[in-house]
Amino acid sequence: PCRRARRLYQSGDVEGRMTATPRPDERGFTLIEVMVSLGLFALIAMAGLGLVDGVMGVQGRTEAKLDRTAAIQRAMFVIGSDFDQVSAGGISGGGVQVSLVRSAPGLGGPPVPVRYVIAGGQLTRVAGTQPQLALGEVQSGQWRFLSKGSWTDRWPVDPKVPDARPDAVAVTLTLPEGVLRKVVALPASAKDLP
């Protein structure tokens, strides 16, 4: 206690009042130091916020592309499935539409007429009487048919044989991502088997 009082007295002002001067190891931050540190913290926070914003933007674009890719794959799978299960009855069409009758042999249900139409920027699938959006953002499209090694734009080629079946069906779609072509080889019909 005496040492402290003596130090306070020695560091007093001219009139002998005691004032406390901090020791070098007890000093705080000056206003300038606090302002500089807050400025640096703000710069680091802004850089971090920009980084997080960039990552979130990339994530959003990636999710949108993945959703679009999944929609395209789903549409191509459904088209392939419909033509893989084509049943008795003719396939007809050309240009922007095609019709077929598909069956579900494992489910024992009745054959279902299916029609695909490319119009209004969409590929629409009509199963029975229920239209379903198969794929959006379709700029244009065309159905073609393979028979005896050559492609034709209309089926049936001979209207006198409406139950004739092509060897394969192809759909070409122009999408914002590019041109997509799906070719489905048709199963042989029972009457074509030996």
N, C-alpha and C. Protein backbone atom coordinates (compact mmCIF):
# COMPACT_ATOMS: atom_id res chain seq x y z
N PRO A 1 0.80 -1.19 0.00
CA PRO A 1 0.00 0.00 0.00
C PRO A 1 0.85 1.27 0.00
N CYS A 2 1.94 1.31 0.74
CA CYS A 2 2.76 2.51 0.79
C CYS A 2 3.44 2.79 -0.53
N ARG A 3 3.89 1.76 -1.17
CA ARG A 3 4.54 1.95 -2.46
C ARG A 3 3.56 2.54 -3.46
N ARG A 4 2.35 2.05 -3.43
CA ARG A 4 1.34 2.56 -4.38
C ARG A 4 1.08 4.03 -4.11
N ALA A 5 0.94 4.40 -2.87
CA ALA A 5 0.68 5.80 -2.53
C ALA A 5 1.86 6.66 -2.94
N ARG A 6 3.07 6.15 -2.73
CA ARG A 6 4.23 6.92 -3.10
C ARG A 6 4.28 7.10 -4.62
N ARG A 7 3.96 6.03 -5.38
CA ARG A 7 3.95 6.15 -6.82
C ARG A 7 2.90 7.14 -7.29
N LEU A 8 1.73 7.11 -6.67
CA LEU A 8 0.66 8.02 -7.04
C LEU A 8 1.07 9.46 -6.74
N TYR A 9 1.73 9.68 -5.58
CA TYR A 9 2.15 11.02 -5.23
C TYR A 9 3.21 11.54 -6.19
N GLN A 10 4.13 10.63 -6.56
CA GLN A 10 5.19 11.05 -7.46
C GLN A 10 4.67 11.36 -8.85
N SER A 11 3.60 10.72 -9.22
CA SER A 11 3.08 10.99 -10.55
C SER A 11 1.97 12.02 -10.52
N GLY A 12 1.80 12.71 -9.41
CA GLY A 12 0.74 13.70 -9.28
C GLY A 12 1.05 14.94 -10.08
N ASP A 13 0.07 15.83 -10.13
CA ASP A 13 0.28 17.06 -10.89
C ASP A 13 1.01 18.09 -10.02
N VAL A 14 1.13 19.28 -10.49
CA VAL A 14 1.91 20.32 -9.83
C VAL A 14 1.36 20.64 -8.45
N GLU A 15 0.07 20.60 -8.28
CA GLU A 15 -0.53 20.98 -7.02
C GLU A 15 -0.50 19.85 -6.01
N GLY A 16 0.09 18.73 -6.38
CA GLY A 16 0.23 17.64 -5.43
C GLY A 16 -0.93 16.68 -5.43
N ARG A 17 -1.90 16.88 -6.32
CA ARG A 17 -3.00 15.91 -6.38
C ARG A 17 -2.48 14.61 -6.94
N MET A 18 -3.09 13.58 -6.46
CA MET A 18 -2.65 12.26 -6.92
C MET A 18 -3.44 11.87 -8.17
N THR A 19 -2.71 11.47 -9.18
CA THR A 19 -3.34 10.96 -10.41
C THR A 19 -2.70 9.63 -10.71
N ALA A 20 -3.46 8.76 -11.28
CA ALA A 20 -2.96 7.42 -11.58
C ALA A 20 -2.55 7.37 -13.05
N THR A 21 -1.33 7.05 -13.31
CA THR A 21 -0.88 6.82 -14.69
C THR A 21 -0.73 5.31 -14.85
N PRO A 22 -1.28 4.78 -15.88
CA PRO A 22 -1.22 3.34 -16.05
C PRO A 22 0.19 2.90 -16.39
N ARG A 23 0.49 1.72 -15.94
CA ARG A 23 1.77 1.13 -16.29
C ARG A 23 1.73 0.70 -17.75
N PRO A 24 2.85 0.57 -18.38
CA PRO A 24 2.86 0.19 -19.80
C PRO A 24 2.11 -1.11 -20.08
N ASP A 25 2.10 -2.07 -19.18
CA ASP A 25 1.41 -3.33 -19.42
C ASP A 25 -0.09 -3.23 -19.10
N GLU A 26 -0.59 -2.11 -18.62
CA GLU A 26 -2.00 -1.94 -18.30
C GLU A 26 -2.71 -1.01 -19.28
N ARG A 27 -2.08 -0.62 -20.38
CA ARG A 27 -2.69 0.31 -21.32
C ARG A 27 -3.80 -0.34 -22.11
N GLY A 28 -4.83 0.38 -22.55
CA GLY A 28 -5.92 -0.10 -23.39
C GLY A 28 -5.66 0.28 -24.83
N PHE A 29 -6.70 0.16 -25.67
CA PHE A 29 -6.58 0.51 -27.08
C PHE A 29 -6.95 1.97 -27.27
N THR A 30 -6.26 2.59 -28.18
CA THR A 30 -6.61 3.97 -28.51
C THR A 30 -7.78 3.95 -29.48
N LEU A 31 -8.40 5.08 -29.65
CA LEU A 31 -9.53 5.19 -30.56
C LEU A 31 -9.10 4.85 -31.99
N ILE A 32 -7.95 5.27 -32.39
CA ILE A 32 -7.44 4.99 -33.74
C ILE A 32 -7.28 3.48 -33.93
N GLU A 33 -6.73 2.81 -32.95
CA GLU A 33 -6.54 1.36 -33.05
C GLU A 33 -7.89 0.64 -33.18
N VAL A 34 -8.87 1.07 -32.41
CA VAL A 34 -10.20 0.46 -32.47
C VAL A 34 -10.82 0.70 -33.84
N MET A 35 -10.70 1.91 -34.38
CA MET A 35 -11.28 2.22 -35.68
C MET A 35 -10.62 1.40 -36.79
N VAL A 36 -9.29 1.26 -36.73
CA VAL A 36 -8.58 0.49 -37.75
C VAL A 36 -9.02 -0.97 -37.68
N SER A 37 -9.12 -1.53 -36.48
CA SER A 37 -9.52 -2.93 -36.36
C SER A 37 -10.96 -3.14 -36.83
N LEU A 38 -11.87 -2.20 -36.55
CA LEU A 38 -13.24 -2.32 -37.04
C LEU A 38 -13.29 -2.22 -38.57
N GLY A 39 -12.48 -1.37 -39.14
CA GLY A 39 -12.42 -1.27 -40.60
C GLY A 39 -11.92 -2.55 -41.24
N LEU A 40 -10.87 -3.14 -40.66
CA LEU A 40 -10.36 -4.41 -41.19
C LEU A 40 -11.41 -5.52 -41.06
N PHE A 41 -12.09 -5.54 -39.92
CA PHE A 41 -13.14 -6.55 -39.72
C PHE A 41 -14.25 -6.37 -40.76
N ALA A 42 -14.62 -5.13 -41.05
CA ALA A 42 -15.67 -4.88 -42.04
C ALA A 42 -15.23 -5.34 -43.43
N LEU A 43 -13.96 -5.10 -43.80
CA LEU A 43 -13.46 -5.56 -45.09
C LEU A 43 -13.48 -7.08 -45.19
N ILE A 44 -13.06 -7.75 -44.14
CA ILE A 44 -13.06 -9.22 -44.13
C ILE A 44 -14.49 -9.74 -44.21
N ALA A 45 -15.42 -9.11 -43.49
CA ALA A 45 -16.82 -9.54 -43.51
C ALA A 45 -17.42 -9.34 -44.91
N MET A 46 -17.10 -8.23 -45.57
CA MET A 46 -17.63 -7.99 -46.92
C MET A 46 -17.09 -9.02 -47.90
N ALA A 47 -15.81 -9.36 -47.79
CA ALA A 47 -15.23 -10.37 -48.67
C ALA A 47 -15.90 -11.73 -48.42
N GLY A 48 -16.13 -12.06 -47.17
CA GLY A 48 -16.80 -13.32 -46.83
C GLY A 48 -18.22 -13.35 -47.35
N LEU A 49 -18.93 -12.23 -47.25
CA LEU A 49 -20.30 -12.15 -47.74
C LEU A 49 -20.34 -12.32 -49.25
N GLY A 50 -19.40 -11.71 -49.95
CA GLY A 50 -19.31 -11.87 -51.40
C GLY A 50 -19.04 -13.32 -51.79
N LEU A 51 -18.18 -13.99 -51.03
CA LEU A 51 -17.87 -15.39 -51.29
C LEU A 51 -19.10 -16.26 -51.08
N VAL A 52 -19.82 -16.06 -49.99
CA VAL A 52 -21.03 -16.84 -49.70
C VAL A 52 -22.09 -16.57 -50.78
N ASP A 53 -22.24 -15.32 -51.19
CA ASP A 53 -23.21 -14.98 -52.23
C ASP A 53 -22.85 -15.69 -53.54
N GLY A 54 -21.59 -15.72 -53.89
CA GLY A 54 -21.14 -16.41 -55.10
C GLY A 54 -21.40 -17.91 -55.04
N VAL A 55 -21.14 -18.51 -53.91
CA VAL A 55 -21.37 -19.95 -53.74
C VAL A 55 -22.87 -20.25 -53.85
N MET A 56 -23.71 -19.41 -53.26
CA MET A 56 -25.15 -19.63 -53.32
C MET A 56 -25.66 -19.49 -54.76
N GLY A 57 -25.11 -18.55 -55.51
CA GLY A 57 -25.51 -18.38 -56.91
C GLY A 57 -25.13 -19.59 -57.75
N VAL A 58 -23.92 -20.10 -57.55
CA VAL A 58 -23.47 -21.28 -58.27
C VAL A 58 -24.34 -22.48 -57.90
N GLN A 59 -24.68 -22.61 -56.64
CA GLN A 59 -25.52 -23.71 -56.19
C GLN A 59 -26.90 -23.64 -56.85
N GLY A 60 -27.48 -22.46 -56.93
CA GLY A 60 -28.79 -22.31 -57.55
C GLY A 60 -28.77 -22.67 -59.03
N ARG A 61 -27.73 -22.21 -59.74
CA ARG A 61 -27.62 -22.54 -61.17
C ARG A 61 -27.39 -24.03 -61.37
N THR A 62 -26.58 -24.63 -60.51
CA THR A 62 -26.32 -26.06 -60.62
C THR A 62 -27.60 -26.86 -60.37
N GLU A 63 -28.37 -26.48 -59.37
CA GLU A 63 -29.63 -27.18 -59.09
C GLU A 63 -30.60 -27.05 -60.27
N ALA A 64 -30.66 -25.88 -60.88
CA ALA A 64 -31.55 -25.69 -62.04
C ALA A 64 -31.12 -26.58 -63.20
N LYS A 65 -29.82 -26.68 -63.45
CA LYS A 65 -29.34 -27.53 -64.53
C LYS A 65 -29.59 -29.01 -64.23
N LEU A 66 -29.41 -29.40 -62.98
CA LEU A 66 -29.68 -30.79 -62.61
C LEU A 66 -31.16 -31.12 -62.74
N ASP A 67 -32.03 -30.18 -62.37
CA ASP A 67 -33.47 -30.39 -62.53
C ASP A 67 -33.83 -30.54 -64.00
N ARG A 68 -33.25 -29.72 -64.85
CA ARG A 68 -33.53 -29.78 -66.29
C ARG A 68 -33.04 -31.10 -66.87
N THR A 69 -31.83 -31.52 -66.47
CA THR A 69 -31.28 -32.78 -66.95
C THR A 69 -32.17 -33.95 -66.52
N ALA A 70 -32.65 -33.91 -65.29
CA ALA A 70 -33.54 -34.97 -64.80
C ALA A 70 -34.85 -34.99 -65.59
N ALA A 71 -35.39 -33.81 -65.92
CA ALA A 71 -36.63 -33.76 -66.70
C ALA A 71 -36.43 -34.34 -68.10
N ILE A 72 -35.29 -34.05 -68.72
CA ILE A 72 -34.99 -34.59 -70.05
C ILE A 72 -34.85 -36.11 -69.98
N GLN A 73 -34.11 -36.58 -68.99
CA GLN A 73 -33.93 -38.03 -68.84
C GLN A 73 -35.25 -38.74 -68.57
N ARG A 74 -36.09 -38.13 -67.75
CA ARG A 74 -37.39 -38.72 -67.44
C ARG A 74 -38.25 -38.82 -68.71
N ALA A 75 -38.27 -37.76 -69.53
CA ALA A 75 -39.05 -37.77 -70.77
C ALA A 75 -38.54 -38.85 -71.71
N MET A 76 -37.22 -38.96 -71.86
CA MET A 76 -36.66 -39.97 -72.75
C MET A 76 -36.94 -41.39 -72.24
N PHE A 77 -36.94 -41.58 -70.95
CA PHE A 77 -37.27 -42.88 -70.37
C PHE A 77 -38.72 -43.27 -70.65
N VAL A 78 -39.63 -42.32 -70.48
CA VAL A 78 -41.06 -42.59 -70.71
C VAL A 78 -41.30 -42.91 -72.19
N ILE A 79 -40.66 -42.16 -73.09
CA ILE A 79 -40.81 -42.45 -74.52
C ILE A 79 -40.30 -43.86 -74.82
N GLY A 80 -39.13 -44.19 -74.31
CA GLY A 80 -38.58 -45.53 -74.53
C GLY A 80 -39.47 -46.61 -73.95
N SER A 81 -40.01 -46.38 -72.78
CA SER A 81 -40.90 -47.35 -72.14
C SER A 81 -42.18 -47.56 -72.94
N ASP A 82 -42.77 -46.46 -73.43
CA ASP A 82 -43.98 -46.58 -74.23
C ASP A 82 -43.74 -47.40 -75.49
N PHE A 83 -42.66 -47.13 -76.19
CA PHE A 83 -42.39 -47.86 -77.43
C PHE A 83 -41.91 -49.28 -77.16
N ASP A 84 -41.27 -49.53 -76.03
CA ASP A 84 -40.87 -50.90 -75.67
C ASP A 84 -42.09 -51.77 -75.41
N GLN A 85 -43.19 -51.15 -74.97
CA GLN A 85 -44.39 -51.90 -74.63
C GLN A 85 -45.49 -51.72 -75.67
N VAL A 86 -45.11 -51.40 -76.90
CA VAL A 86 -46.10 -51.24 -77.95
C VAL A 86 -46.80 -52.59 -78.16
N SER A 87 -48.11 -52.53 -78.32
CA SER A 87 -48.89 -53.76 -78.47
C SER A 87 -49.47 -53.83 -79.87
N ALA A 88 -50.35 -54.80 -80.05
CA ALA A 88 -51.01 -54.94 -81.35
C ALA A 88 -51.73 -53.63 -81.66
N GLY A 89 -51.82 -53.34 -82.91
CA GLY A 89 -52.40 -52.07 -83.30
C GLY A 89 -51.31 -51.27 -83.96
N GLY A 90 -51.69 -50.37 -84.77
CA GLY A 90 -50.71 -49.66 -85.56
C GLY A 90 -50.04 -48.51 -84.84
N ILE A 91 -48.89 -48.20 -85.35
CA ILE A 91 -48.18 -46.98 -84.98
C ILE A 91 -48.41 -46.03 -86.14
N SER A 92 -48.76 -44.80 -85.84
CA SER A 92 -48.99 -43.85 -86.92
C SER A 92 -48.47 -42.49 -86.51
N GLY A 93 -48.17 -41.70 -87.50
CA GLY A 93 -47.75 -40.34 -87.21
C GLY A 93 -46.66 -39.87 -88.12
N GLY A 94 -46.05 -38.80 -87.69
CA GLY A 94 -44.99 -38.17 -88.43
C GLY A 94 -44.98 -36.70 -88.12
N GLY A 95 -43.89 -36.06 -88.45
CA GLY A 95 -43.80 -34.63 -88.16
C GLY A 95 -43.76 -34.38 -86.67
N VAL A 96 -44.80 -33.73 -86.14
CA VAL A 96 -44.78 -33.33 -84.73
C VAL A 96 -45.63 -34.23 -83.83
N GLN A 97 -46.19 -35.34 -84.38
CA GLN A 97 -46.96 -36.20 -83.50
C GLN A 97 -46.82 -37.66 -83.90
N VAL A 98 -47.07 -38.53 -82.94
CA VAL A 98 -47.04 -39.97 -83.16
C VAL A 98 -48.06 -40.60 -82.22
N SER A 99 -48.70 -41.67 -82.69
CA SER A 99 -49.68 -42.40 -81.88
C SER A 99 -49.32 -43.87 -81.87
N LEU A 100 -49.62 -44.53 -80.77
CA LEU A 100 -49.38 -45.95 -80.61
C LEU A 100 -50.33 -46.50 -79.56
N VAL A 101 -50.36 -47.82 -79.44
CA VAL A 101 -51.12 -48.46 -78.37
C VAL A 101 -50.11 -49.26 -77.57
N ARG A 102 -50.07 -49.00 -76.28
CA ARG A 102 -49.12 -49.72 -75.43
C ARG A 102 -49.87 -50.61 -74.47
N SER A 103 -49.23 -51.67 -74.07
CA SER A 103 -49.82 -52.57 -73.09
C SER A 103 -48.90 -52.64 -71.90
N ALA A 104 -49.43 -53.17 -70.83
CA ALA A 104 -48.64 -53.38 -69.62
C ALA A 104 -48.73 -54.87 -69.29
N PRO A 105 -47.88 -55.71 -69.94
CA PRO A 105 -48.05 -57.15 -69.82
C PRO A 105 -47.95 -57.66 -68.38
N GLY A 106 -47.11 -57.07 -67.56
CA GLY A 106 -46.97 -57.52 -66.19
C GLY A 106 -48.13 -57.11 -65.30
N LEU A 107 -48.84 -56.07 -65.69
CA LEU A 107 -49.93 -55.55 -64.86
C LEU A 107 -51.29 -56.09 -65.28
N GLY A 108 -51.37 -56.69 -66.46
CA GLY A 108 -52.62 -57.29 -66.91
C GLY A 108 -53.71 -56.30 -67.25
N GLY A 109 -53.38 -55.05 -67.40
CA GLY A 109 -54.38 -54.04 -67.73
C GLY A 109 -54.68 -54.02 -69.21
N PRO A 110 -55.69 -53.29 -69.57
CA PRO A 110 -56.03 -53.20 -71.00
C PRO A 110 -55.02 -52.33 -71.74
N PRO A 111 -54.89 -52.53 -73.05
CA PRO A 111 -54.02 -51.66 -73.84
C PRO A 111 -54.49 -50.21 -73.76
N VAL A 112 -53.53 -49.29 -73.76
CA VAL A 112 -53.83 -47.86 -73.62
C VAL A 112 -53.31 -47.12 -74.85
N PRO A 113 -54.18 -46.32 -75.50
CA PRO A 113 -53.67 -45.50 -76.60
C PRO A 113 -52.82 -44.35 -76.05
N VAL A 114 -51.68 -44.14 -76.69
CA VAL A 114 -50.76 -43.08 -76.26
C VAL A 114 -50.44 -42.23 -77.49
N ARG A 115 -50.42 -40.93 -77.28
CA ARG A 115 -50.10 -40.01 -78.36
C ARG A 115 -49.11 -38.97 -77.84
N TYR A 116 -48.11 -38.66 -78.64
CA TYR A 116 -47.15 -37.60 -78.33
C TYR A 116 -47.33 -36.47 -79.34
N VAL A 117 -47.35 -35.25 -78.82
CA VAL A 117 -47.52 -34.07 -79.67
C VAL A 117 -46.47 -33.04 -79.28
N ILE A 118 -45.80 -32.48 -80.26
CA ILE A 118 -44.84 -31.40 -80.03
C ILE A 118 -45.50 -30.12 -80.52
N ALA A 119 -45.91 -29.27 -79.58
CA ALA A 119 -46.59 -28.02 -79.95
C ALA A 119 -46.52 -27.04 -78.79
N GLY A 120 -46.53 -25.77 -79.11
CA GLY A 120 -46.56 -24.73 -78.08
C GLY A 120 -45.35 -24.76 -77.16
N GLY A 121 -44.20 -25.18 -77.66
CA GLY A 121 -42.99 -25.22 -76.83
C GLY A 121 -42.96 -26.37 -75.84
N GLN A 122 -43.80 -27.40 -76.07
CA GLN A 122 -43.87 -28.53 -75.14
C GLN A 122 -43.95 -29.85 -75.90
N LEU A 123 -43.45 -30.89 -75.26
CA LEU A 123 -43.69 -32.25 -75.70
C LEU A 123 -44.75 -32.78 -74.75
N THR A 124 -45.94 -33.07 -75.29
CA THR A 124 -47.06 -33.52 -74.47
C THR A 124 -47.34 -34.99 -74.76
N ARG A 125 -47.56 -35.74 -73.71
CA ARG A 125 -47.93 -37.16 -73.80
C ARG A 125 -49.39 -37.27 -73.39
N VAL A 126 -50.21 -37.87 -74.24
CA VAL A 126 -51.62 -38.07 -73.93
C VAL A 126 -51.84 -39.58 -73.81
N ALA A 127 -52.05 -40.06 -72.59
CA ALA A 127 -52.30 -41.48 -72.33
C ALA A 127 -53.79 -41.63 -72.08
N GLY A 128 -54.48 -42.35 -72.97
CA GLY A 128 -55.93 -42.41 -72.88
C GLY A 128 -56.48 -41.04 -73.24
N THR A 129 -57.09 -40.39 -72.26
CA THR A 129 -57.60 -39.03 -72.49
C THR A 129 -56.90 -38.01 -71.61
N GLN A 130 -55.86 -38.43 -70.89
CA GLN A 130 -55.19 -37.54 -69.93
C GLN A 130 -53.89 -36.98 -70.50
N PRO A 131 -53.86 -35.68 -70.79
CA PRO A 131 -52.60 -35.08 -71.27
C PRO A 131 -51.63 -34.86 -70.10
N GLN A 132 -50.37 -35.09 -70.39
CA GLN A 132 -49.31 -34.89 -69.39
C GLN A 132 -48.16 -34.15 -70.07
N LEU A 133 -47.58 -33.21 -69.36
CA LEU A 133 -46.40 -32.52 -69.89
C LEU A 133 -45.22 -33.48 -69.77
N ALA A 134 -44.66 -33.87 -70.90
CA ALA A 134 -43.50 -34.75 -70.89
C ALA A 134 -42.22 -33.92 -70.76
N LEU A 135 -42.17 -32.78 -71.47
CA LEU A 135 -40.97 -31.94 -71.42
C LEU A 135 -41.32 -30.54 -71.91
N GLY A 136 -40.88 -29.55 -71.18
CA GLY A 136 -41.08 -28.15 -71.55
C GLY A 136 -39.87 -27.59 -72.28
N GLU A 137 -39.97 -26.35 -72.72
CA GLU A 137 -38.91 -25.64 -73.41
C GLU A 137 -38.41 -26.38 -74.65
N VAL A 138 -39.35 -26.93 -75.42
CA VAL A 138 -39.02 -27.61 -76.67
C VAL A 138 -39.23 -26.60 -77.80
N GLN A 139 -38.17 -26.27 -78.50
CA GLN A 139 -38.25 -25.28 -79.58
C GLN A 139 -38.85 -25.88 -80.85
N SER A 140 -38.49 -27.11 -81.16
CA SER A 140 -39.06 -27.81 -82.31
C SER A 140 -38.78 -29.29 -82.16
N GLY A 141 -39.42 -30.09 -82.99
CA GLY A 141 -39.21 -31.52 -82.91
C GLY A 141 -39.78 -32.24 -84.11
N GLN A 142 -39.37 -33.49 -84.27
CA GLN A 142 -39.83 -34.28 -85.40
C GLN A 142 -39.73 -35.76 -85.05
N TRP A 143 -40.73 -36.53 -85.48
CA TRP A 143 -40.74 -37.98 -85.34
C TRP A 143 -40.39 -38.59 -86.71
N ARG A 144 -39.55 -39.63 -86.70
CA ARG A 144 -39.18 -40.33 -87.93
C ARG A 144 -39.24 -41.83 -87.66
N PHE A 145 -39.32 -42.61 -88.75
CA PHE A 145 -39.53 -44.04 -88.64
C PHE A 145 -38.54 -44.79 -89.53
N LEU A 146 -37.96 -45.87 -89.01
CA LEU A 146 -36.99 -46.67 -89.76
C LEU A 146 -37.67 -47.95 -90.24
N SER A 147 -37.57 -48.20 -91.53
CA SER A 147 -38.12 -49.43 -92.10
C SER A 147 -37.23 -49.89 -93.24
N LYS A 148 -36.78 -51.13 -93.14
CA LYS A 148 -35.93 -51.74 -94.18
C LYS A 148 -34.70 -50.89 -94.49
N GLY A 149 -34.10 -50.35 -93.45
CA GLY A 149 -32.85 -49.63 -93.60
C GLY A 149 -32.93 -48.17 -94.00
N SER A 150 -34.12 -47.62 -94.19
CA SER A 150 -34.21 -46.20 -94.55
C SER A 150 -35.23 -45.49 -93.65
N TRP A 151 -34.96 -44.21 -93.41
CA TRP A 151 -35.81 -43.40 -92.55
C TRP A 151 -36.88 -42.71 -93.39
N THR A 152 -38.07 -42.62 -92.81
CA THR A 152 -39.17 -41.93 -93.47
C THR A 152 -39.82 -40.98 -92.47
N ASP A 153 -40.45 -39.93 -92.98
CA ASP A 153 -41.07 -38.92 -92.12
C ASP A 153 -42.51 -39.26 -91.71
N ARG A 154 -43.14 -40.24 -92.38
CA ARG A 154 -44.54 -40.59 -92.08
C ARG A 154 -44.67 -42.09 -91.88
N TRP A 155 -45.61 -42.46 -91.02
CA TRP A 155 -45.92 -43.88 -90.84
C TRP A 155 -47.42 -44.03 -90.64
N PRO A 156 -48.06 -44.99 -91.21
CA PRO A 156 -47.52 -46.03 -92.10
C PRO A 156 -47.22 -45.47 -93.49
N VAL A 157 -46.25 -46.08 -94.10
CA VAL A 157 -45.84 -45.66 -95.44
C VAL A 157 -46.95 -46.03 -96.43
N ASP A 158 -47.48 -47.23 -96.25
CA ASP A 158 -48.55 -47.70 -97.13
C ASP A 158 -49.86 -47.67 -96.34
N PRO A 159 -50.80 -46.78 -96.66
CA PRO A 159 -52.05 -46.71 -95.91
C PRO A 159 -52.90 -47.98 -96.00
N LYS A 160 -52.60 -48.85 -96.98
CA LYS A 160 -53.33 -50.10 -97.11
C LYS A 160 -52.91 -51.12 -96.05
N VAL A 161 -51.77 -50.87 -95.39
CA VAL A 161 -51.27 -51.77 -94.34
C VAL A 161 -51.10 -50.95 -93.06
N PRO A 162 -52.21 -50.60 -92.38
CA PRO A 162 -52.10 -49.72 -91.21
C PRO A 162 -51.47 -50.38 -89.99
N ASP A 163 -51.46 -51.71 -89.94
CA ASP A 163 -50.87 -52.39 -88.78
C ASP A 163 -49.39 -52.69 -88.96
N ALA A 164 -48.80 -52.25 -90.06
CA ALA A 164 -47.37 -52.47 -90.27
C ALA A 164 -46.60 -51.76 -89.16
N ARG A 165 -45.49 -52.35 -88.79
CA ARG A 165 -44.69 -51.79 -87.70
C ARG A 165 -43.30 -51.43 -88.19
N PRO A 166 -42.82 -50.22 -87.90
CA PRO A 166 -41.45 -49.87 -88.30
C PRO A 166 -40.44 -50.64 -87.43
N ASP A 167 -39.20 -50.62 -87.87
CA ASP A 167 -38.13 -51.29 -87.10
C ASP A 167 -37.69 -50.43 -85.91
N ALA A 168 -37.79 -49.12 -86.07
CA ALA A 168 -37.38 -48.20 -85.01
C ALA A 168 -38.11 -46.87 -85.18
N VAL A 169 -38.19 -46.13 -84.09
CA VAL A 169 -38.80 -44.79 -84.10
C VAL A 169 -37.77 -43.84 -83.51
N ALA A 170 -37.66 -42.65 -84.10
CA ALA A 170 -36.72 -41.64 -83.59
C ALA A 170 -37.46 -40.33 -83.38
N VAL A 171 -37.13 -39.67 -82.29
CA VAL A 171 -37.64 -38.32 -82.06
C VAL A 171 -36.42 -37.41 -81.96
N THR A 172 -36.48 -36.29 -82.65
CA THR A 172 -35.42 -35.29 -82.59
C THR A 172 -36.03 -34.02 -82.01
N LEU A 173 -35.48 -33.55 -80.90
CA LEU A 173 -35.99 -32.36 -80.23
C LEU A 173 -34.92 -31.29 -80.21
N THR A 174 -35.30 -30.07 -80.55
CA THR A 174 -34.40 -28.94 -80.42
C THR A 174 -34.75 -28.24 -79.11
N LEU A 175 -33.78 -28.22 -78.21
CA LEU A 175 -33.94 -27.64 -76.88
C LEU A 175 -32.97 -26.46 -76.74
N PRO A 176 -33.15 -25.63 -75.72
CA PRO A 176 -32.18 -24.55 -75.50
C PRO A 176 -30.76 -25.08 -75.29
N GLU A 177 -30.65 -26.30 -74.77
CA GLU A 177 -29.34 -26.89 -74.50
C GLU A 177 -28.69 -27.47 -75.75
N GLY A 178 -29.47 -27.70 -76.81
CA GLY A 178 -28.95 -28.30 -78.03
C GLY A 178 -29.97 -29.24 -78.64
N VAL A 179 -29.52 -30.04 -79.60
CA VAL A 179 -30.39 -30.98 -80.29
C VAL A 179 -30.26 -32.35 -79.62
N LEU A 180 -31.39 -32.95 -79.33
CA LEU A 180 -31.44 -34.25 -78.65
C LEU A 180 -32.16 -35.23 -79.57
N ARG A 181 -31.58 -36.41 -79.74
CA ARG A 181 -32.22 -37.44 -80.58
C ARG A 181 -32.30 -38.73 -79.79
N LYS A 182 -33.49 -39.29 -79.75
CA LYS A 182 -33.73 -40.57 -79.09
C LYS A 182 -34.23 -41.55 -80.14
N VAL A 183 -33.56 -42.70 -80.26
CA VAL A 183 -33.95 -43.75 -81.19
C VAL A 183 -34.34 -44.96 -80.36
N VAL A 184 -35.54 -45.49 -80.63
CA VAL A 184 -36.03 -46.66 -79.92
C VAL A 184 -36.26 -47.77 -80.94
N ALA A 185 -35.52 -48.88 -80.77
CA ALA A 185 -35.75 -50.06 -81.61
C ALA A 185 -37.00 -50.75 -81.07
N LEU A 186 -37.94 -51.04 -81.96
CA LEU A 186 -39.19 -51.63 -81.52
C LEU A 186 -39.07 -53.14 -81.39
N PRO A 187 -39.76 -53.71 -80.40
CA PRO A 187 -39.74 -55.17 -80.28
C PRO A 187 -40.51 -55.79 -81.43
N ALA A 188 -40.14 -57.00 -81.77
CA ALA A 188 -40.83 -57.70 -82.85
C ALA A 188 -42.25 -58.04 -82.39
N SER A 189 -43.20 -57.91 -83.29
CA SER A 189 -44.58 -58.28 -82.95
C SER A 189 -44.72 -59.79 -83.03
N ALA A 190 -45.76 -60.31 -82.41
CA ALA A 190 -45.95 -61.77 -82.37
C ALA A 190 -46.08 -62.36 -83.77
N LYS A 191 -46.70 -61.63 -84.69
CA LYS A 191 -46.88 -62.15 -86.04
C LYS A 191 -45.56 -62.15 -86.84
N ASP A 192 -44.56 -61.35 -86.38
CA ASP A 192 -43.27 -61.31 -87.06
C ASP A 192 -42.34 -62.42 -86.60
N LEU A 193 -42.66 -63.08 -85.50
CA LEU A 193 -41.80 -64.14 -84.96
C LEU A 193 -41.99 -65.43 -85.75
N PRO A 194 -40.92 -66.26 -85.88
CA PRO A 194 -41.05 -67.52 -86.64
C PRO A 194 -41.89 -68.54 -85.90
